[in-house]
Amino acid sequence: MKQGMSSIFQNRYDQLIEKIFFKNYKKQATQVPFDREEFVAIADNLGIKLPKNLGDIIYSFRYRSTLPKKITALLKPGEEWIIRATGKGKYLFVKGLAYQIVPNQNLLKIKILDSTPEIIRRYALNDEQALLAILRYNRLIDIFTGVACYSLQNHLRTFVPNIGQTETDEVYVGVSKKGEHFVFPVQAKGKNDKLGIVQIEQDFAICNSKFPSLICRPIAAQFIDSNLIALFGFEQDGQKIVISEEKHYKIVPNDSLSDQEVRQYNSIK
């Protein structure tokens, strides 16, 4: 989509989400429920043409764009609005403490020899596809978790009770040296996309619904640069989701990894 056209759509989305928010907002509310079908009447009143997929409006503000200033003006410093799914076509704005999932620029960059087939790099259609391929061919999920992992399914779409339709980019299952069985739902993001806590909450919900007997460890992956990838691991601490681990992997050709660097890695405890 061209830049100008993208801006036009975003401006329309801003108008729609702002109207639907304040249509349902009550003063000092920390939760604001709404129904996806409300967009139809609001768009008609504003004279705005809706996208074919109404969910794209909500997806945009959950994972790509910031909410309009009139909505964020209701926040105190350190707070944010997130949008949670609560059922089929039903959603909830929730005010809470901001949960930022951003790469730590001070972390060690661990070099990994590139095993990605050149033909895959040549024909990957977007950042997400390229990132998932790099994770798979370079066994980065195995390396990150220390577990033997196997890709079970790409782009798993499923219905989860009390949430509705959910999607995760790829699901791995794995077995540890002790025989433990794990499920690793993976969210993949390009350099300019944002990782959100809502996606991790949904990945835990998918695990609880579809893989209740497996140990669930959601993972988020994001390009920092074209060959530098941040991986985040998540666990639940009571009712709270915490980042349990973060590593940065730099995918390099053979001549970019020296014997001295290998010895340094071998000496890290």
C-alpha atoms as a PDB file:
ATOM      1  CA  MET A   1       0.000   0.000   0.000  1.00  0.00           C
ATOM      2  CA  LYS A   2       1.317   3.437  -0.904  1.00  0.00           C
ATOM      3  CA  GLN A   3       2.284   5.800   1.932  1.00  0.00           C
ATOM      4  CA  GLY A   4      -0.467   8.323   1.112  1.00  0.00           C
ATOM      5  CA  MET A   5      -3.139   5.642   0.915  1.00  0.00           C
ATOM      6  CA  SER A   6      -1.932   4.105   4.201  1.00  0.00           C
ATOM      7  CA  SER A   7      -2.251   7.516   5.915  1.00  0.00           C
ATOM      8  CA  ILE A   8      -5.794   7.946   4.599  1.00  0.00           C
ATOM      9  CA  PHE A   9      -6.866   4.558   5.980  1.00  0.00           C
ATOM     10  CA  GLN A  10      -5.168   5.257   9.304  1.00  0.00           C
ATOM     11  CA  ASN A  11      -6.977   8.593   9.605  1.00  0.00           C
ATOM     12  CA  ARG A  12     -10.273   6.763   8.998  1.00  0.00           C
ATOM     13  CA  TYR A  13      -9.378   4.146  11.567  1.00  0.00           C
ATOM     14  CA  ASP A  14      -8.535   6.889  14.088  1.00  0.00           C
ATOM     15  CA  GLN A  15     -11.970   8.442  13.619  1.00  0.00           C
ATOM     16  CA  LEU A  16     -13.743   5.114  13.955  1.00  0.00           C
ATOM     17  CA  ILE A  17     -11.909   3.897  17.058  1.00  0.00           C
ATOM     18  CA  GLU A  18     -12.288   7.288  18.756  1.00  0.00           C
ATOM     19  CA  LYS A  19     -16.040   7.335  18.146  1.00  0.00           C
ATOM     20  CA  ILE A  20     -16.547   3.777  19.332  1.00  0.00           C
ATOM     21  CA  PHE A  21     -14.480   4.432  22.456  1.00  0.00           C
ATOM     22  CA  PHE A  22     -16.367   7.538  23.584  1.00  0.00           C
ATOM     23  CA  LYS A  23     -19.732   6.033  22.609  1.00  0.00           C
ATOM     24  CA  ASN A  24     -19.164   3.425  25.341  1.00  0.00           C
ATOM     25  CA  TYR A  25     -16.911   5.320  27.764  1.00  0.00           C
ATOM     26  CA  LYS A  26     -18.147   6.342  31.212  1.00  0.00           C
ATOM     27  CA  LYS A  27     -16.261   8.938  33.217  1.00  0.00           C
ATOM     28  CA  GLN A  28     -13.193   7.513  35.029  1.00  0.00           C
ATOM     29  CA  ALA A  29     -13.884   4.030  33.657  1.00  0.00           C
ATOM     30  CA  THR A  30     -10.914   1.670  33.466  1.00  0.00           C
ATOM     31  CA  GLN A  31     -12.712  -0.750  31.133  1.00  0.00           C
ATOM     32  CA  VAL A  32     -14.724   0.134  28.034  1.00  0.00           C
ATOM     33  CA  PRO A  33     -16.622  -2.694  26.283  1.00  0.00           C
ATOM     34  CA  PHE A  34     -17.633  -2.557  22.624  1.00  0.00           C
ATOM     35  CA  ASP A  35     -18.896  -4.764  19.825  1.00  0.00           C
ATOM     36  CA  ARG A  36     -17.170  -4.972  16.440  1.00  0.00           C
ATOM     37  CA  GLU A  37     -20.497  -4.517  14.614  1.00  0.00           C
ATOM     38  CA  GLU A  38     -20.837  -1.023  16.115  1.00  0.00           C
ATOM     39  CA  PHE A  39     -18.353   0.142  13.476  1.00  0.00           C
ATOM     40  CA  VAL A  40     -21.024  -0.256  10.779  1.00  0.00           C
ATOM     41  CA  ALA A  41     -23.416   2.406  12.141  1.00  0.00           C
ATOM     42  CA  ILE A  42     -20.553   4.707  13.164  1.00  0.00           C
ATOM     43  CA  ALA A  43     -18.960   4.521   9.708  1.00  0.00           C
ATOM     44  CA  ASP A  44     -22.338   5.221   8.087  1.00  0.00           C
ATOM     45  CA  ASN A  45     -22.817   8.332  10.264  1.00  0.00           C
ATOM     46  CA  LEU A  46     -19.297   9.580   9.467  1.00  0.00           C
ATOM     47  CA  GLY A  47     -19.537   8.755   5.769  1.00  0.00           C
ATOM     48  CA  ILE A  48     -16.520   6.447   6.014  1.00  0.00           C
ATOM     49  CA  LYS A  49     -16.097   3.380   3.830  1.00  0.00           C
ATOM     50  CA  LEU A  50     -15.315   0.365   5.994  1.00  0.00           C
ATOM     51  CA  PRO A  51     -12.620  -2.208   5.151  1.00  0.00           C
ATOM     52  CA  LYS A  52     -13.934  -5.599   4.055  1.00  0.00           C
ATOM     53  CA  ASN A  53     -12.479  -7.069   7.231  1.00  0.00           C
ATOM     54  CA  LEU A  54     -13.751  -5.098  10.240  1.00  0.00           C
ATOM     55  CA  GLY A  55     -11.186  -6.881  12.390  1.00  0.00           C
ATOM     56  CA  ASP A  56      -8.394  -4.992  10.609  1.00  0.00           C
ATOM     57  CA  ILE A  57      -9.402  -1.791  12.424  1.00  0.00           C
ATOM     58  CA  ILE A  58      -8.999  -3.468  15.801  1.00  0.00           C
ATOM     59  CA  TYR A  59      -5.855  -5.339  14.735  1.00  0.00           C
ATOM     60  CA  SER A  60      -4.271  -2.051  13.707  1.00  0.00           C
ATOM     61  CA  PHE A  61      -4.601  -0.535  17.189  1.00  0.00           C
ATOM     62  CA  ARG A  62      -3.737  -3.716  19.046  1.00  0.00           C
ATOM     63  CA  TYR A  63      -0.490  -4.401  17.224  1.00  0.00           C
ATOM     64  CA  ARG A  64       0.596  -1.571  14.908  1.00  0.00           C
ATOM     65  CA  SER A  65      -0.691   1.893  15.704  1.00  0.00           C
ATOM     66  CA  THR A  66      -1.132   4.149  18.717  1.00  0.00           C
ATOM     67  CA  LEU A  67      -4.622   5.144  19.803  1.00  0.00           C
ATOM     68  CA  PRO A  68      -5.834   8.699  19.065  1.00  0.00           C
ATOM     69  CA  LYS A  69      -4.689  11.444  21.447  1.00  0.00           C
ATOM     70  CA  LYS A  70      -8.193  12.044  22.838  1.00  0.00           C
ATOM     71  CA  ILE A  71      -8.171   8.466  24.148  1.00  0.00           C
ATOM     72  CA  THR A  72      -4.582   8.435  25.443  1.00  0.00           C
ATOM     73  CA  ALA A  73      -5.183  11.808  27.144  1.00  0.00           C
ATOM     74  CA  LEU A  74      -7.237   9.901  29.734  1.00  0.00           C
ATOM     75  CA  LEU A  75      -4.101   8.065  30.881  1.00  0.00           C
ATOM     76  CA  LYS A  76      -1.694   8.943  33.646  1.00  0.00           C
ATOM     77  CA  PRO A  77       2.074   8.669  33.031  1.00  0.00           C
ATOM     78  CA  GLY A  78       3.090   5.013  32.831  1.00  0.00           C
ATOM     79  CA  GLU A  79      -0.386   3.798  31.846  1.00  0.00           C
ATOM     80  CA  GLU A  80      -1.767   2.462  28.570  1.00  0.00           C
ATOM     81  CA  TRP A  81      -4.992   1.242  27.003  1.00  0.00           C
ATOM     82  CA  ILE A  82      -4.956  -2.279  25.597  1.00  0.00           C
ATOM     83  CA  ILE A  83      -7.740  -3.972  23.643  1.00  0.00           C
ATOM     84  CA  ARG A  84      -8.699  -7.480  24.768  1.00  0.00           C
ATOM     85  CA  ALA A  85     -11.036  -9.866  22.970  1.00  0.00           C
ATOM     86  CA  THR A  86     -13.834 -11.103  25.251  1.00  0.00           C
ATOM     87  CA  GLY A  87     -15.863 -13.254  22.860  1.00  0.00           C
ATOM     88  CA  LYS A  88     -16.944 -13.510  19.246  1.00  0.00           C
ATOM     89  CA  GLY A  89     -16.833  -9.944  17.910  1.00  0.00           C
ATOM     90  CA  LYS A  90     -16.657  -8.496  21.427  1.00  0.00           C
ATOM     91  CA  TYR A  91     -13.790  -6.434  22.834  1.00  0.00           C
ATOM     92  CA  LEU A  92     -12.744  -4.451  25.863  1.00  0.00           C
ATOM     93  CA  PHE A  93     -10.494  -1.425  26.238  1.00  0.00           C
ATOM     94  CA  VAL A  94      -8.570  -1.972  29.483  1.00  0.00           C
ATOM     95  CA  LYS A  95      -6.528   0.698  31.261  1.00  0.00           C
ATOM     96  CA  GLY A  96      -3.436  -0.519  33.124  1.00  0.00           C
ATOM     97  CA  LEU A  97       0.268  -0.057  33.657  1.00  0.00           C
ATOM     98  CA  ALA A  98       2.212   0.094  30.400  1.00  0.00           C
ATOM     99  CA  TYR A  99       3.886  -3.199  29.487  1.00  0.00           C
ATOM    100  CA  GLN A 100       6.660  -2.545  27.008  1.00  0.00           C
ATOM    101  CA  ILE A 101       8.231  -5.441  25.111  1.00  0.00           C
ATOM    102  CA  VAL A 102      11.208  -3.808  23.416  1.00  0.00           C
ATOM    103  CA  PRO A 103      14.718  -5.161  22.781  1.00  0.00           C
ATOM    104  CA  ASN A 104      17.390  -4.230  25.323  1.00  0.00           C
ATOM    105  CA  GLN A 105      20.051  -2.493  23.231  1.00  0.00           C
ATOM    106  CA  ASN A 106      22.802  -3.443  25.730  1.00  0.00           C
ATOM    107  CA  LEU A 107      22.492  -7.210  25.374  1.00  0.00           C
ATOM    108  CA  LEU A 108      25.242  -9.395  23.916  1.00  0.00           C
ATOM    109  CA  LYS A 109      24.771 -10.214  20.226  1.00  0.00           C
ATOM    110  CA  ILE A 110      25.295 -13.961  19.891  1.00  0.00           C
ATOM    111  CA  LYS A 111      26.522 -14.955  16.434  1.00  0.00           C
ATOM    112  CA  ILE A 112      24.863 -17.954  14.789  1.00  0.00           C
ATOM    113  CA  LEU A 113      26.093 -19.388  11.469  1.00  0.00           C
ATOM    114  CA  ASP A 114      23.438 -18.847   8.814  1.00  0.00           C
ATOM    115  CA  SER A 115      21.636 -22.007   7.697  1.00  0.00           C
ATOM    116  CA  THR A 116      18.809 -20.235   5.862  1.00  0.00           C
ATOM    117  CA  PRO A 117      18.553 -21.382   2.215  1.00  0.00           C
ATOM    118  CA  GLU A 118      19.232 -18.489  -0.141  1.00  0.00           C
ATOM    119  CA  ILE A 119      16.110 -19.305  -2.146  1.00  0.00           C
ATOM    120  CA  ILE A 120      13.992 -18.763   0.986  1.00  0.00           C
ATOM    121  CA  ARG A 121      15.602 -15.375   1.603  1.00  0.00           C
ATOM    122  CA  ARG A 122      15.045 -14.426  -2.037  1.00  0.00           C
ATOM    123  CA  TYR A 123      11.337 -15.183  -2.131  1.00  0.00           C
ATOM    124  CA  ALA A 124      10.115 -14.419   1.408  1.00  0.00           C
ATOM    125  CA  LEU A 125       7.202 -12.039   0.881  1.00  0.00           C
ATOM    126  CA  ASN A 126       7.419 -10.026   4.098  1.00  0.00           C
ATOM    127  CA  ASP A 127       9.363  -9.539   7.335  1.00  0.00           C
ATOM    128  CA  GLU A 128       7.178 -11.944   9.294  1.00  0.00           C
ATOM    129  CA  GLN A 129       7.614 -14.735   6.760  1.00  0.00           C
ATOM    130  CA  ALA A 130      11.368 -14.141   6.569  1.00  0.00           C
ATOM    131  CA  LEU A 131      11.690 -14.114  10.358  1.00  0.00           C
ATOM    132  CA  LEU A 132       9.757 -17.363  10.815  1.00  0.00           C
ATOM    133  CA  ALA A 133      11.945 -19.020   8.165  1.00  0.00           C
ATOM    134  CA  ILE A 134      15.153 -17.844   9.856  1.00  0.00           C
ATOM    135  CA  LEU A 135      13.911 -19.143  13.208  1.00  0.00           C
ATOM    136  CA  ARG A 136      13.072 -22.511  11.678  1.00  0.00           C
ATOM    137  CA  TYR A 137      16.152 -23.144   9.517  1.00  0.00           C
ATOM    138  CA  ASN A 138      18.609 -21.913  12.144  1.00  0.00           C
ATOM    139  CA  ARG A 139      16.948 -23.870  14.989  1.00  0.00           C
ATOM    140  CA  LEU A 140      16.759 -20.680  17.046  1.00  0.00           C
ATOM    141  CA  ILE A 141      13.816 -21.889  19.123  1.00  0.00           C
ATOM    142  CA  ASP A 142      15.840 -24.978  20.129  1.00  0.00           C
ATOM    143  CA  ILE A 143      18.903 -22.834  20.892  1.00  0.00           C
ATOM    144  CA  PHE A 144      16.918 -20.270  22.873  1.00  0.00           C
ATOM    145  CA  THR A 145      14.962 -22.774  24.979  1.00  0.00           C
ATOM    146  CA  GLY A 146      17.531 -25.586  25.288  1.00  0.00           C
ATOM    147  CA  VAL A 147      14.768 -27.995  24.229  1.00  0.00           C
ATOM    148  CA  ALA A 148      14.506 -30.181  21.094  1.00  0.00           C
ATOM    149  CA  CYS A 149      11.732 -28.418  19.157  1.00  0.00           C
ATOM    150  CA  TYR A 150       9.557 -29.262  16.176  1.00  0.00           C
ATOM    151  CA  SER A 151       7.300 -26.934  14.186  1.00  0.00           C
ATOM    152  CA  LEU A 152       3.731 -28.153  14.629  1.00  0.00           C
ATOM    153  CA  GLN A 153       1.760 -25.576  12.667  1.00  0.00           C
ATOM    154  CA  ASN A 154       2.093 -22.168  11.009  1.00  0.00           C
ATOM    155  CA  HIS A 155      -0.466 -19.451  11.605  1.00  0.00           C
ATOM    156  CA  LEU A 156      -2.667 -21.384  13.992  1.00  0.00           C
ATOM    157  CA  ARG A 157      -6.149 -19.871  14.055  1.00  0.00           C
ATOM    158  CA  THR A 158      -8.480 -21.232  16.665  1.00  0.00           C
ATOM    159  CA  PHE A 159     -11.433 -20.322  18.857  1.00  0.00           C
ATOM    160  CA  VAL A 160     -10.722 -19.882  22.568  1.00  0.00           C
ATOM    161  CA  PRO A 161     -13.612 -19.687  25.075  1.00  0.00           C
ATOM    162  CA  ASN A 162     -14.220 -16.183  26.515  1.00  0.00           C
ATOM    163  CA  ILE A 163     -11.832 -14.669  23.977  1.00  0.00           C
ATOM    164  CA  GLY A 164     -13.027 -15.694  20.521  1.00  0.00           C
ATOM    165  CA  GLN A 165     -10.930 -16.135  17.386  1.00  0.00           C
ATOM    166  CA  THR A 166      -7.193 -16.036  18.091  1.00  0.00           C
ATOM    167  CA  GLU A 167      -4.077 -16.512  15.992  1.00  0.00           C
ATOM    168  CA  THR A 168      -0.430 -17.193  16.675  1.00  0.00           C
ATOM    169  CA  ASP A 169       2.254 -17.113  13.992  1.00  0.00           C
ATOM    170  CA  GLU A 170       3.762 -20.558  14.610  1.00  0.00           C
ATOM    171  CA  VAL A 171       3.487 -23.300  17.197  1.00  0.00           C
ATOM    172  CA  TYR A 172       6.402 -25.513  18.210  1.00  0.00           C
ATOM    173  CA  VAL A 173       6.284 -28.540  20.472  1.00  0.00           C
ATOM    174  CA  GLY A 174       9.381 -29.808  22.244  1.00  0.00           C
ATOM    175  CA  VAL A 175      10.837 -32.339  24.620  1.00  0.00           C
ATOM    176  CA  SER A 176      13.542 -31.704  27.222  1.00  0.00           C
ATOM    177  CA  LYS A 177      16.332 -34.049  28.331  1.00  0.00           C
ATOM    178  CA  LYS A 178      14.131 -34.954  31.313  1.00  0.00           C
ATOM    179  CA  GLY A 179      11.240 -35.967  29.048  1.00  0.00           C
ATOM    180  CA  GLU A 180       9.126 -32.859  29.731  1.00  0.00           C
ATOM    181  CA  HIS A 181       6.807 -31.862  26.896  1.00  0.00           C
ATOM    182  CA  PHE A 182       6.527 -28.175  25.987  1.00  0.00           C
ATOM    183  CA  VAL A 183       4.445 -26.037  23.655  1.00  0.00           C
ATOM    184  CA  PHE A 184       5.987 -22.810  22.338  1.00  0.00           C
ATOM    185  CA  PRO A 185       3.574 -20.431  20.578  1.00  0.00           C
ATOM    186  CA  VAL A 186       5.665 -17.897  18.651  1.00  0.00           C
ATOM    187  CA  GLN A 187       4.753 -14.333  17.721  1.00  0.00           C
ATOM    188  CA  ALA A 188       6.942 -12.849  14.954  1.00  0.00           C
ATOM    189  CA  LYS A 189       7.276  -9.115  14.312  1.00  0.00           C
ATOM    190  CA  GLY A 190       9.134  -6.954  11.841  1.00  0.00           C
ATOM    191  CA  LYS A 191      11.454  -4.166  12.907  1.00  0.00           C
ATOM    192  CA  ASN A 192       8.758  -1.467  12.828  1.00  0.00           C
ATOM    193  CA  ASP A 193       5.952  -3.504  14.406  1.00  0.00           C
ATOM    194  CA  LYS A 194       5.236  -3.547  18.103  1.00  0.00           C
ATOM    195  CA  LEU A 195       4.994  -6.519  20.419  1.00  0.00           C
ATOM    196  CA  GLY A 196       2.006  -6.360  22.741  1.00  0.00           C
ATOM    197  CA  ILE A 197       1.135  -8.099  25.983  1.00  0.00           C
ATOM    198  CA  VAL A 198      -2.311  -8.962  24.556  1.00  0.00           C
ATOM    199  CA  GLN A 199      -0.698 -11.362  22.081  1.00  0.00           C
ATOM    200  CA  ILE A 200       1.169 -13.137  24.868  1.00  0.00           C
ATOM    201  CA  GLU A 201      -2.010 -13.357  26.973  1.00  0.00           C
ATOM    202  CA  GLN A 202      -3.763 -14.963  24.016  1.00  0.00           C
ATOM    203  CA  ASP A 203      -0.905 -17.419  23.494  1.00  0.00           C
ATOM    204  CA  PHE A 204      -1.239 -18.575  27.101  1.00  0.00           C
ATOM    205  CA  ALA A 205      -4.996 -18.921  26.534  1.00  0.00           C
ATOM    206  CA  ILE A 206      -4.405 -21.014  23.381  1.00  0.00           C
ATOM    207  CA  CYS A 207      -2.084 -23.304  25.344  1.00  0.00           C
ATOM    208  CA  ASN A 208      -4.574 -23.708  28.196  1.00  0.00           C
ATOM    209  CA  SER A 209      -7.377 -24.481  25.757  1.00  0.00           C
ATOM    210  CA  LYS A 210      -5.645 -26.661  23.152  1.00  0.00           C
ATOM    211  CA  PHE A 211      -2.562 -28.083  24.920  1.00  0.00           C
ATOM    212  CA  PRO A 212      -3.495 -28.282  28.622  1.00  0.00           C
ATOM    213  CA  SER A 213      -1.092 -31.138  29.412  1.00  0.00           C
ATOM    214  CA  LEU A 214       1.999 -29.385  27.969  1.00  0.00           C
ATOM    215  CA  ILE A 215       4.233 -26.796  29.629  1.00  0.00           C
ATOM    216  CA  CYS A 216       3.431 -23.493  27.914  1.00  0.00           C
ATOM    217  CA  ARG A 217       6.258 -21.048  27.204  1.00  0.00           C
ATOM    218  CA  PRO A 218       5.232 -18.299  24.738  1.00  0.00           C
ATOM    219  CA  ILE A 219       8.030 -16.717  22.695  1.00  0.00           C
ATOM    220  CA  ALA A 220       8.144 -13.383  20.875  1.00  0.00           C
ATOM    221  CA  ALA A 221      10.622 -12.756  18.062  1.00  0.00           C
ATOM    222  CA  GLN A 222      11.443  -9.429  16.464  1.00  0.00           C
ATOM    223  CA  PHE A 223      13.896  -8.174  13.889  1.00  0.00           C
ATOM    224  CA  ILE A 224      16.228  -5.513  15.333  1.00  0.00           C
ATOM    225  CA  ASP A 225      18.054  -5.362  12.002  1.00  0.00           C
ATOM    226  CA  SER A 226      17.880  -7.573   8.913  1.00  0.00           C
ATOM    227  CA  ASN A 227      20.005 -10.335  10.490  1.00  0.00           C
ATOM    228  CA  LEU A 228      19.726  -9.451  14.187  1.00  0.00           C
ATOM    229  CA  ILE A 229      16.831 -11.051  16.055  1.00  0.00           C
ATOM    230  CA  ALA A 230      15.555 -10.501  19.588  1.00  0.00           C
ATOM    231  CA  LEU A 231      13.854 -13.442  21.291  1.00  0.00           C
ATOM    232  CA  PHE A 232      11.761 -13.055  24.444  1.00  0.00           C
ATOM    233  CA  GLY A 233      10.534 -15.885  26.656  1.00  0.00           C
ATOM    234  CA  PHE A 234       7.482 -15.491  28.912  1.00  0.00           C
ATOM    235  CA  GLU A 235       6.155 -17.211  32.016  1.00  0.00           C
ATOM    236  CA  GLN A 236       3.242 -16.643  34.356  1.00  0.00           C
ATOM    237  CA  ASP A 237       3.986 -15.455  37.895  1.00  0.00           C
ATOM    238  CA  GLY A 238       0.632 -15.886  39.579  1.00  0.00           C
ATOM    239  CA  GLN A 239      -1.731 -13.683  37.563  1.00  0.00           C
ATOM    240  CA  LYS A 240       1.136 -11.670  36.086  1.00  0.00           C
ATOM    241  CA  ILE A 241       2.991 -12.359  32.833  1.00  0.00           C
ATOM    242  CA  VAL A 242       6.736 -11.748  33.083  1.00  0.00           C
ATOM    243  CA  ILE A 243       9.625 -11.768  30.622  1.00  0.00           C
ATOM    244  CA  SER A 244      11.729 -14.672  31.843  1.00  0.00           C
ATOM    245  CA  GLU A 245      14.527 -14.387  29.272  1.00  0.00           C
ATOM    246  CA  GLU A 246      15.761 -12.247  26.385  1.00  0.00           C
ATOM    247  CA  LYS A 247      18.518 -13.109  23.913  1.00  0.00           C
ATOM    248  CA  HIS A 248      19.783 -11.465  20.717  1.00  0.00           C
ATOM    249  CA  TYR A 249      21.026 -13.638  17.860  1.00  0.00           C
ATOM    250  CA  LYS A 250      22.980 -12.310  14.879  1.00  0.00           C
ATOM    251  CA  ILE A 251      22.795 -14.551  11.817  1.00  0.00           C
ATOM    252  CA  VAL A 252      26.167 -14.447  10.050  1.00  0.00           C
ATOM    253  CA  PRO A 253      28.102 -16.221   7.257  1.00  0.00           C
ATOM    254  CA  ASN A 254      30.953 -18.547   8.237  1.00  0.00           C
ATOM    255  CA  ASP A 255      33.731 -15.999   7.679  1.00  0.00           C
ATOM    256  CA  SER A 256      32.104 -13.582  10.168  1.00  0.00           C
ATOM    257  CA  LEU A 257      32.504 -15.916  13.153  1.00  0.00           C
ATOM    258  CA  SER A 258      36.091 -16.244  14.335  1.00  0.00           C
ATOM    259  CA  ASP A 259      37.646 -19.053  16.366  1.00  0.00           C
ATOM    260  CA  GLN A 260      38.333 -16.520  19.099  1.00  0.00           C
ATOM    261  CA  GLU A 261      34.628 -15.646  19.326  1.00  0.00           C
ATOM    262  CA  VAL A 262      33.738 -19.342  19.539  1.00  0.00           C
ATOM    263  CA  ARG A 263      36.227 -19.760  22.399  1.00  0.00           C
ATOM    264  CA  GLN A 264      34.675 -16.775  24.151  1.00  0.00           C
ATOM    265  CA  TYR A 265      31.200 -18.324  23.859  1.00  0.00           C
ATOM    266  CA  ASN A 266      32.579 -21.616  25.179  1.00  0.00           C
ATOM    267  CA  SER A 267      33.956 -19.851  28.254  1.00  0.00           C
ATOM    268  CA  ILE A 268      30.649 -18.145  29.189  1.00  0.00           C
ATOM    269  CA  LYS A 269      29.148 -19.814  32.241  1.00  0.00           C
END
